Structures are given as structure tokens and as C-alpha cells.
Amino acid sequence: MYRVIKYFTDLHDDNHPYNVGDTFPREGAEVTEGRLAELAGSNNKQSVPLIELVEEAEAHGTPIPKKAPVKKATARKSTAKTAAK
């Protein structure tokens, strides 16, 4: 399943409008793998991705845990203000 990330009208589906957050394709519409790749990439008339793949668990309401970003430890440098305290 795909989710719309930028508004567009589908030129291959009688100019059907898709708003941000809509599911793509709409119910009853058939889409080729090539068309999915075109809309998910930048090789389309707007030159930017218009849809993104949604994980199946997320599509059914189950949140997918995201990995926490790894932070690198950095050495703190003393400044005149912090050294005076």
C-alpha cells in the first residue's frame, strides 16, 4: 500500500485527485509496478516523489517502532564562562 505525500492528479486515472495522506491507488483502480515506481520516484511530471510505501503493519493501524538515532559522545570543551562557575 502507498500513501500520498504530495498532492497530484493521476493522469492515468481520468485525472483523479489525490490529497496528502490518501491511500494510493484508490479502491478499484489498478496500477502497474512501473507506475508505482514513477510516482514514488522523481521520474514524473512534478519531478518529485508523490507517494511512499507504507509498511503493512502501519497500514493496519499497528505502529512500527522506529530506531532511536545513535548519538556520538563528544568531548566538552571548557569555556571561560563555564570555567569561572
PDB file of N, CA and C in Angstrom:
ATOM      1  N   MET A   1       0.847  -1.175   0.000  1.00  0.00           N
ATOM      2  CA  MET A   1       0.000   0.000   0.000  1.00  0.00           C
ATOM      3  C   MET A   1       0.893   1.239   0.000  1.00  0.00           C
ATOM      4  N   TYR A   2       0.417   2.265  -0.635  1.00  0.00           N
ATOM      5  CA  TYR A   2       1.162   3.523  -0.712  1.00  0.00           C
ATOM      6  C   TYR A   2       0.327   4.662  -0.141  1.00  0.00           C
ATOM      7  N   ARG A   3       1.025   5.681   0.359  1.00  0.00           N
ATOM      8  CA  ARG A   3       0.372   6.874   0.898  1.00  0.00           C
ATOM      9  C   ARG A   3       0.864   8.069   0.093  1.00  0.00           C
ATOM     10  N   VAL A   4      -0.066   8.984  -0.198  1.00  0.00           N
ATOM     11  CA  VAL A   4       0.265  10.183  -0.957  1.00  0.00           C
ATOM     12  C   VAL A   4       1.003  11.157  -0.049  1.00  0.00           C
ATOM     13  N   ILE A   5       2.150  11.661  -0.538  1.00  0.00           N
ATOM     14  CA  ILE A   5       2.939  12.613   0.255  1.00  0.00           C
ATOM     15  C   ILE A   5       2.964  14.001  -0.378  1.00  0.00           C
ATOM     16  N   LYS A   6       2.426  14.122  -1.601  1.00  0.00           N
ATOM     17  CA  LYS A   6       2.315  15.425  -2.262  1.00  0.00           C
ATOM     18  C   LYS A   6       1.111  15.364  -3.189  1.00  0.00           C
ATOM     19  N   TYR A   7       0.279  16.398  -3.149  1.00  0.00           N
ATOM     20  CA  TYR A   7      -0.947  16.433  -3.952  1.00  0.00           C
ATOM     21  C   TYR A   7      -0.629  16.247  -5.435  1.00  0.00           C
ATOM     22  N   PHE A   8      -1.449  15.444  -6.111  1.00  0.00           N
ATOM     23  CA  PHE A   8      -1.363  15.303  -7.565  1.00  0.00           C
ATOM     24  C   PHE A   8      -2.679  14.788  -8.116  1.00  0.00           C
ATOM     25  N   THR A   9      -2.864  14.959  -9.405  1.00  0.00           N
ATOM     26  CA  THR A   9      -3.992  14.336 -10.089  1.00  0.00           C
ATOM     27  C   THR A   9      -3.402  13.253 -10.976  1.00  0.00           C
ATOM     28  N   ASP A  10      -3.994  12.074 -10.905  1.00  0.00           N
ATOM     29  CA  ASP A  10      -3.460  10.924 -11.629  1.00  0.00           C
ATOM     30  C   ASP A  10      -3.887  10.978 -13.091  1.00  0.00           C
ATOM     31  N   LEU A  11      -2.946  11.282 -13.944  1.00  0.00           N
ATOM     32  CA  LEU A  11      -3.213  11.397 -15.381  1.00  0.00           C
ATOM     33  C   LEU A  11      -3.562  10.052 -16.009  1.00  0.00           C
ATOM     34  N   HIS A  12      -3.229   8.960 -15.323  1.00  0.00           N
ATOM     35  CA  HIS A  12      -3.548   7.621 -15.820  1.00  0.00           C
ATOM     36  C   HIS A  12      -4.879   7.122 -15.269  1.00  0.00           C
ATOM     37  N   ASP A  13      -5.571   7.925 -14.475  1.00  0.00           N
ATOM     38  CA  ASP A  13      -6.843   7.524 -13.856  1.00  0.00           C
ATOM     39  C   ASP A  13      -7.864   8.657 -13.996  1.00  0.00           C
ATOM     40  N   ASP A  14      -8.057   9.131 -15.221  1.00  0.00           N
ATOM     41  CA  ASP A  14      -9.074  10.156 -15.514  1.00  0.00           C
ATOM     42  C   ASP A  14      -8.920  11.391 -14.630  1.00  0.00           C
ATOM     43  N   ASN A  15      -7.660  11.789 -14.366  1.00  0.00           N
ATOM     44  CA  ASN A  15      -7.338  12.967 -13.537  1.00  0.00           C
ATOM     45  C   ASN A  15      -7.913  12.902 -12.129  1.00  0.00           C
ATOM     46  N   HIS A  16      -7.964  11.700 -11.555  1.00  0.00           N
ATOM     47  CA  HIS A  16      -8.454  11.549 -10.180  1.00  0.00           C
ATOM     48  C   HIS A  16      -7.514  12.288  -9.220  1.00  0.00           C
ATOM     49  N   PRO A  17      -8.046  13.168  -8.365  1.00  0.00           N
ATOM     50  CA  PRO A  17      -7.181  13.916  -7.440  1.00  0.00           C
ATOM     51  C   PRO A  17      -6.788  13.073  -6.225  1.00  0.00           C
ATOM     52  N   TYR A  18      -5.557  13.214  -5.805  1.00  0.00           N
ATOM     53  CA  TYR A  18      -5.050  12.565  -4.598  1.00  0.00           C
ATOM     54  C   TYR A  18      -4.500  13.642  -3.679  1.00  0.00           C
ATOM     55  N   ASN A  19      -5.007  13.684  -2.456  1.00  0.00           N
ATOM     56  CA  ASN A  19      -4.541  14.635  -1.450  1.00  0.00           C
ATOM     57  C   ASN A  19      -3.513  13.970  -0.551  1.00  0.00           C
ATOM     58  N   VAL A  20      -2.696  14.768   0.104  1.00  0.00           N
ATOM     59  CA  VAL A  20      -1.700  14.247   1.037  1.00  0.00           C
ATOM     60  C   VAL A  20      -2.406  13.404   2.095  1.00  0.00           C
ATOM     61  N   GLY A  21      -1.888  12.196   2.322  1.00  0.00           N
ATOM     62  CA  GLY A  21      -2.458  11.277   3.303  1.00  0.00           C
ATOM     63  C   GLY A  21      -3.391  10.246   2.701  1.00  0.00           C
ATOM     64  N   ASP A  22      -3.844  10.459   1.458  1.00  0.00           N
ATOM     65  CA  ASP A  22      -4.719   9.489   0.794  1.00  0.00           C
ATOM     66  C   ASP A  22      -3.958   8.196   0.537  1.00  0.00           C
ATOM     67  N   THR A  23      -4.705   7.104   0.426  1.00  0.00           N
ATOM     68  CA  THR A  23      -4.141   5.826   0.029  1.00  0.00           C
ATOM     69  C   THR A  23      -4.073   5.779  -1.493  1.00  0.00           C
ATOM     70  N   PHE A  24      -2.966   5.259  -2.005  1.00  0.00           N
ATOM     71  CA  PHE A  24      -2.811   5.101  -3.448  1.00  0.00           C
ATOM     72  C   PHE A  24      -2.518   3.648  -3.741  1.00  0.00           C
ATOM     73  N   PRO A  25      -3.176   3.056  -4.714  1.00  0.00           N
ATOM     74  CA  PRO A  25      -4.231   3.613  -5.555  1.00  0.00           C
ATOM     75  C   PRO A  25      -5.574   3.569  -4.833  1.00  0.00           C
ATOM     76  N   ARG A  26      -6.512   4.331  -5.347  1.00  0.00           N
ATOM     77  CA  ARG A  26      -7.853   4.332  -4.756  1.00  0.00           C
ATOM     78  C   ARG A  26      -8.482   2.962  -4.975  1.00  0.00           C
ATOM     79  N   GLU A  27      -9.501   2.667  -4.189  1.00  0.00           N
ATOM     80  CA  GLU A  27     -10.172   1.373  -4.283  1.00  0.00           C
ATOM     81  C   GLU A  27     -10.744   1.182  -5.685  1.00  0.00           C
ATOM     82  N   GLY A  28     -10.467   0.033  -6.263  1.00  0.00           N
ATOM     83  CA  GLY A  28     -10.972  -0.290  -7.590  1.00  0.00           C
ATOM     84  C   GLY A  28     -10.036   0.078  -8.726  1.00  0.00           C
ATOM     85  N   ALA A  29      -9.014   0.859  -8.466  1.00  0.00           N
ATOM     86  CA  ALA A  29      -8.065   1.253  -9.508  1.00  0.00           C
ATOM     87  C   ALA A  29      -6.904   0.266  -9.542  1.00  0.00           C
ATOM     88  N   GLU A  30      -6.474  -0.097 -10.737  1.00  0.00           N
ATOM     89  CA  GLU A  30      -5.328  -0.981 -10.900  1.00  0.00           C
ATOM     90  C   GLU A  30      -4.146  -0.180 -11.412  1.00  0.00           C
ATOM     91  N   VAL A  31      -2.974  -0.453 -10.836  1.00  0.00           N
ATOM     92  CA  VAL A  31      -1.773   0.303 -11.169  1.00  0.00           C
ATOM     93  C   VAL A  31      -0.635  -0.680 -11.427  1.00  0.00           C
ATOM     94  N   THR A  32       0.181  -0.392 -12.428  1.00  0.00           N
ATOM     95  CA  THR A  32       1.326  -1.249 -12.731  1.00  0.00           C
ATOM     96  C   THR A  32       2.491  -0.936 -11.790  1.00  0.00           C
ATOM     97  N   GLU A  33       3.407  -1.885 -11.715  1.00  0.00           N
ATOM     98  CA  GLU A  33       4.619  -1.661 -10.911  1.00  0.00           C
ATOM     99  C   GLU A  33       5.404  -0.473 -11.458  1.00  0.00           C
ATOM    100  N   GLY A  34       5.415  -0.325 -12.751  1.00  0.00           N
ATOM    101  CA  GLY A  34       6.118   0.807 -13.370  1.00  0.00           C
ATOM    102  C   GLY A  34       5.529   2.139 -12.960  1.00  0.00           C
ATOM    103  N   ARG A  35       4.196   2.206 -12.881  1.00  0.00           N
ATOM    104  CA  ARG A  35       3.533   3.448 -12.471  1.00  0.00           C
ATOM    105  C   ARG A  35       3.832   3.742 -11.005  1.00  0.00           C
ATOM    106  N   LEU A  36       3.844   2.717 -10.167  1.00  0.00           N
ATOM    107  CA  LEU A  36       4.187   2.911  -8.753  1.00  0.00           C
ATOM    108  C   LEU A  36       5.603   3.468  -8.633  1.00  0.00           C
ATOM    109  N   ALA A  37       6.526   2.901  -9.396  1.00  0.00           N
ATOM    110  CA  ALA A  37       7.914   3.374  -9.355  1.00  0.00           C
ATOM    111  C   ALA A  37       8.006   4.820  -9.838  1.00  0.00           C
ATOM    112  N   GLU A  38       7.243   5.153 -10.875  1.00  0.00           N
ATOM    113  CA  GLU A  38       7.248   6.520 -11.412  1.00  0.00           C
ATOM    114  C   GLU A  38       6.774   7.521 -10.361  1.00  0.00           C
ATOM    115  N   LEU A  39       5.669   7.198  -9.674  1.00  0.00           N
ATOM    116  CA  LEU A  39       5.107   8.127  -8.689  1.00  0.00           C
ATOM    117  C   LEU A  39       5.913   8.154  -7.389  1.00  0.00           C
ATOM    118  N   ALA A  40       6.583   7.049  -7.068  1.00  0.00           N
ATOM    119  CA  ALA A  40       7.387   7.002  -5.842  1.00  0.00           C
ATOM    120  C   ALA A  40       8.765   7.628  -6.053  1.00  0.00           C
ATOM    121  N   GLY A  41       9.150   7.821  -7.303  1.00  0.00           N
ATOM    122  CA  GLY A  41      10.441   8.429  -7.612  1.00  0.00           C
ATOM    123  C   GLY A  41      10.252   9.844  -8.143  1.00  0.00           C
ATOM    124  N   SER A  42      11.274  10.323  -8.811  1.00  0.00           N
ATOM    125  CA  SER A  42      11.197  11.688  -9.337  1.00  0.00           C
ATOM    126  C   SER A  42      11.033  11.720 -10.852  1.00  0.00           C
ATOM    127  N   ASN A  43      10.774  10.560 -11.456  1.00  0.00           N
ATOM    128  CA  ASN A  43      10.596  10.494 -12.905  1.00  0.00           C
ATOM    129  C   ASN A  43       9.109  10.637 -13.253  1.00  0.00           C
ATOM    130  N   ASN A  44       8.530  11.778 -12.874  1.00  0.00           N
ATOM    131  CA  ASN A  44       7.126  12.074 -13.165  1.00  0.00           C
ATOM    132  C   ASN A  44       7.023  13.559 -13.510  1.00  0.00           C
ATOM    133  N   LYS A  45       5.838  14.031 -13.845  1.00  0.00           N
ATOM    134  CA  LYS A  45       5.680  15.420 -14.297  1.00  0.00           C
ATOM    135  C   LYS A  45       6.058  16.457 -13.239  1.00  0.00           C
ATOM    136  N   GLN A  46       5.934  16.107 -11.939  1.00  0.00           N
ATOM    137  CA  GLN A  46       6.300  17.061 -10.887  1.00  0.00           C
ATOM    138  C   GLN A  46       7.768  16.936 -10.476  1.00  0.00           C
ATOM    139  N   SER A  47       8.433  15.910 -10.944  1.00  0.00           N
ATOM    140  CA  SER A  47       9.865  15.677 -10.689  1.00  0.00           C
ATOM    141  C   SER A  47      10.210  15.491  -9.217  1.00  0.00           C
ATOM    142  N   VAL A  48       9.244  15.076  -8.417  1.00  0.00           N
ATOM    143  CA  VAL A  48       9.472  14.763  -7.004  1.00  0.00           C
ATOM    144  C   VAL A  48       8.624  13.546  -6.644  1.00  0.00           C
ATOM    145  N   PRO A  49       9.017  12.781  -5.613  1.00  0.00           N
ATOM    146  CA  PRO A  49       8.179  11.657  -5.192  1.00  0.00           C
ATOM    147  C   PRO A  49       6.796  12.142  -4.741  1.00  0.00           C
ATOM    148  N   LEU A  50       5.758  11.444  -5.181  1.00  0.00           N
ATOM    149  CA  LEU A  50       4.381  11.805  -4.844  1.00  0.00           C
ATOM    150  C   LEU A  50       3.742  10.817  -3.885  1.00  0.00           C
ATOM    151  N   ILE A  51       4.278   9.589  -3.833  1.00  0.00           N
ATOM    152  CA  ILE A  51       3.745   8.560  -2.942  1.00  0.00           C
ATOM    153  C   ILE A  51       4.905   7.884  -2.232  1.00  0.00           C
ATOM    154  N   GLU A  52       4.602   7.239  -1.090  1.00  0.00           N
ATOM    155  CA  GLU A  52       5.609   6.466  -0.379  1.00  0.00           C
ATOM    156  C   GLU A  52       5.004   5.150   0.052  1.00  0.00           C
ATOM    157  N   LEU A  53       5.831   4.117   0.097  1.00  0.00           N
ATOM    158  CA  LEU A  53       5.391   2.803   0.524  1.00  0.00           C
ATOM    159  C   LEU A  53       5.104   2.828   2.014  1.00  0.00           C
ATOM    160  N   VAL A  54       3.974   2.241   2.404  1.00  0.00           N
ATOM    161  CA  VAL A  54       3.609   2.151   3.819  1.00  0.00           C
ATOM    162  C   VAL A  54       3.755   0.700   4.224  1.00  0.00           C
ATOM    163  N   GLU A  55       4.444   0.460   5.318  1.00  0.00           N
ATOM    164  CA  GLU A  55       4.614  -0.903   5.816  1.00  0.00           C
ATOM    165  C   GLU A  55       3.261  -1.503   6.136  1.00  0.00           C
ATOM    166  N   GLU A  56       3.095  -2.791   5.930  1.00  0.00           N
ATOM    167  CA  GLU A  56       1.804  -3.456   6.140  1.00  0.00           C
ATOM    168  C   GLU A  56       1.286  -3.280   7.567  1.00  0.00           C
ATOM    169  N   ALA A  57       2.154  -3.423   8.577  1.00  0.00           N
ATOM    170  CA  ALA A  57       1.699  -3.281   9.964  1.00  0.00           C
ATOM    171  C   ALA A  57       1.154  -1.879  10.209  1.00  0.00           C
ATOM    172  N   GLU A  58       1.817  -0.866   9.678  1.00  0.00           N
ATOM    173  CA  GLU A  58       1.373   0.520   9.836  1.00  0.00           C
ATOM    174  C   GLU A  58       0.054   0.732   9.102  1.00  0.00           C
ATOM    175  N   ALA A  59      -0.100   0.096   7.951  1.00  0.00           N
ATOM    176  CA  ALA A  59      -1.320   0.241   7.164  1.00  0.00           C
ATOM    177  C   ALA A  59      -2.533  -0.302   7.913  1.00  0.00           C
ATOM    178  N   HIS A  60      -2.306  -1.267   8.790  1.00  0.00           N
ATOM    179  CA  HIS A  60      -3.405  -1.866   9.545  1.00  0.00           C
ATOM    180  C   HIS A  60      -3.533  -1.280  10.948  1.00  0.00           C
ATOM    181  N   GLY A  61      -2.882  -0.169  11.207  1.00  0.00           N
ATOM    182  CA  GLY A  61      -3.044   0.530  12.474  1.00  0.00           C
ATOM    183  C   GLY A  61      -2.031   0.162  13.540  1.00  0.00           C
ATOM    184  N   THR A  62      -1.132  -0.749  13.246  1.00  0.00           N
ATOM    185  CA  THR A  62      -0.117  -1.121  14.216  1.00  0.00           C
ATOM    186  C   THR A  62       1.118  -0.269  13.980  1.00  0.00           C
ATOM    187  N   PRO A  63       1.505   0.545  14.963  1.00  0.00           N
ATOM    188  CA  PRO A  63       2.683   1.394  14.749  1.00  0.00           C
ATOM    189  C   PRO A  63       3.947   0.549  14.608  1.00  0.00           C
ATOM    190  N   ILE A  64       4.823   0.989  13.757  1.00  0.00           N
ATOM    191  CA  ILE A  64       6.100   0.319  13.567  1.00  0.00           C
ATOM    192  C   ILE A  64       7.130   1.053  14.407  1.00  0.00           C
ATOM    193  N   PRO A  65       7.788   0.327  15.312  1.00  0.00           N
ATOM    194  CA  PRO A  65       8.785   1.016  16.145  1.00  0.00           C
ATOM    195  C   PRO A  65       9.921   1.547  15.303  1.00  0.00           C
ATOM    196  N   LYS A  66      10.298   2.768  15.583  1.00  0.00           N
ATOM    197  CA  LYS A  66      11.400   3.385  14.864  1.00  0.00           C
ATOM    198  C   LYS A  66      12.637   3.313  15.750  1.00  0.00           C
ATOM    199  N   LYS A  67      13.771   3.094  15.120  1.00  0.00           N
ATOM    200  CA  LYS A  67      15.018   3.031  15.877  1.00  0.00           C
ATOM    201  C   LYS A  67      15.411   4.422  16.330  1.00  0.00           C
ATOM    202  N   ALA A  68      15.874   4.506  17.547  1.00  0.00           N
ATOM    203  CA  ALA A  68      16.335   5.789  18.067  1.00  0.00           C
ATOM    204  C   ALA A  68      17.653   6.139  17.399  1.00  0.00           C
ATOM    205  N   PRO A  69      17.838   7.404  17.077  1.00  0.00           N
ATOM    206  CA  PRO A  69      19.101   7.789  16.459  1.00  0.00           C
ATOM    207  C   PRO A  69      20.262   7.576  17.426  1.00  0.00           C
ATOM    208  N   VAL A  70      21.374   7.149  16.898  1.00  0.00           N
ATOM    209  CA  VAL A  70      22.559   6.919  17.723  1.00  0.00           C
ATOM    210  C   VAL A  70      23.316   8.227  17.811  1.00  0.00           C
ATOM    211  N   LYS A  71      23.582   8.640  19.045  1.00  0.00           N
ATOM    212  CA  LYS A  71      24.321   9.883  19.251  1.00  0.00           C
ATOM    213  C   LYS A  71      25.761   9.547  19.606  1.00  0.00           C
ATOM    214  N   LYS A  72      26.662  10.261  18.979  1.00  0.00           N
ATOM    215  CA  LYS A  72      28.073  10.076  19.280  1.00  0.00           C
ATOM    216  C   LYS A  72      28.431  10.926  20.493  1.00  0.00           C
ATOM    217  N   ALA A  73      29.238  10.369  21.349  1.00  0.00           N
ATOM    218  CA  ALA A  73      29.707  11.123  22.507  1.00  0.00           C
ATOM    219  C   ALA A  73      30.739  12.138  22.039  1.00  0.00           C
ATOM    220  N   THR A  74      30.577  13.346  22.501  1.00  0.00           N
ATOM    221  CA  THR A  74      31.544  14.377  22.143  1.00  0.00           C
ATOM    222  C   THR A  74      32.184  14.916  23.404  1.00  0.00           C
ATOM    223  N   ALA A  75      33.415  15.271  23.297  1.00  0.00           N
ATOM    224  CA  ALA A  75      34.131  15.834  24.443  1.00  0.00           C
ATOM    225  C   ALA A  75      33.666  17.265  24.640  1.00  0.00           C
ATOM    226  N   ARG A  76      33.427  17.635  25.885  1.00  0.00           N
ATOM    227  CA  ARG A  76      33.032  19.005  26.188  1.00  0.00           C
ATOM    228  C   ARG A  76      34.271  19.854  26.378  1.00  0.00           C
ATOM    229  N   LYS A  77      34.215  21.016  25.812  1.00  0.00           N
ATOM    230  CA  LYS A  77      35.337  21.937  25.958  1.00  0.00           C
ATOM    231  C   LYS A  77      34.969  22.984  26.988  1.00  0.00           C
ATOM    232  N   SER A  78      35.904  23.325  27.787  1.00  0.00           N
ATOM    233  CA  SER A  78      35.693  24.337  28.801  1.00  0.00           C
ATOM    234  C   SER A  78      35.813  25.719  28.174  1.00  0.00           C
ATOM    235  N   THR A  79      34.867  26.588  28.547  1.00  0.00           N
ATOM    236  CA  THR A  79      34.967  27.974  28.082  1.00  0.00           C
ATOM    237  C   THR A  79      35.224  28.848  29.295  1.00  0.00           C
ATOM    238  N   ALA A  80      35.508  30.077  29.035  1.00  0.00           N
ATOM    239  CA  ALA A  80      35.813  30.996  30.125  1.00  0.00           C
ATOM    240  C   ALA A  80      34.618  31.106  31.060  1.00  0.00           C
ATOM    241  N   LYS A  81      33.384  31.122  30.527  1.00  0.00           N
ATOM    242  CA  LYS A  81      32.195  31.246  31.353  1.00  0.00           C
ATOM    243  C   LYS A  81      31.991  30.021  32.215  1.00  0.00           C
ATOM    244  N   THR A  82      32.131  28.819  31.651  1.00  0.00           N
ATOM    245  CA  THR A  82      31.895  27.612  32.439  1.00  0.00           C
ATOM    246  C   THR A  82      33.046  27.360  33.404  1.00  0.00           C
ATOM    247  N   ALA A  83      34.238  27.760  33.079  1.00  0.00           N
ATOM    248  CA  ALA A  83      35.382  27.568  33.973  1.00  0.00           C
ATOM    249  C   ALA A  83      35.263  28.469  35.193  1.00  0.00           C
ATOM    250  N   ALA A  84      34.615  29.638  35.062  1.00  0.00           N
ATOM    251  CA  ALA A  84      34.502  30.588  36.151  1.00  0.00           C
ATOM    252  C   ALA A  84      33.436  30.168  37.163  1.00  0.00           C
ATOM    253  N   LYS A  85      32.527  29.321  36.772  1.00  0.00           N
ATOM    254  CA  LYS A  85      31.422  28.922  37.677  1.00  0.00           C
ATOM    255  C   LYS A  85      31.795  27.924  38.692  1.00  0.00           C
TER     256      LYS A  85
END
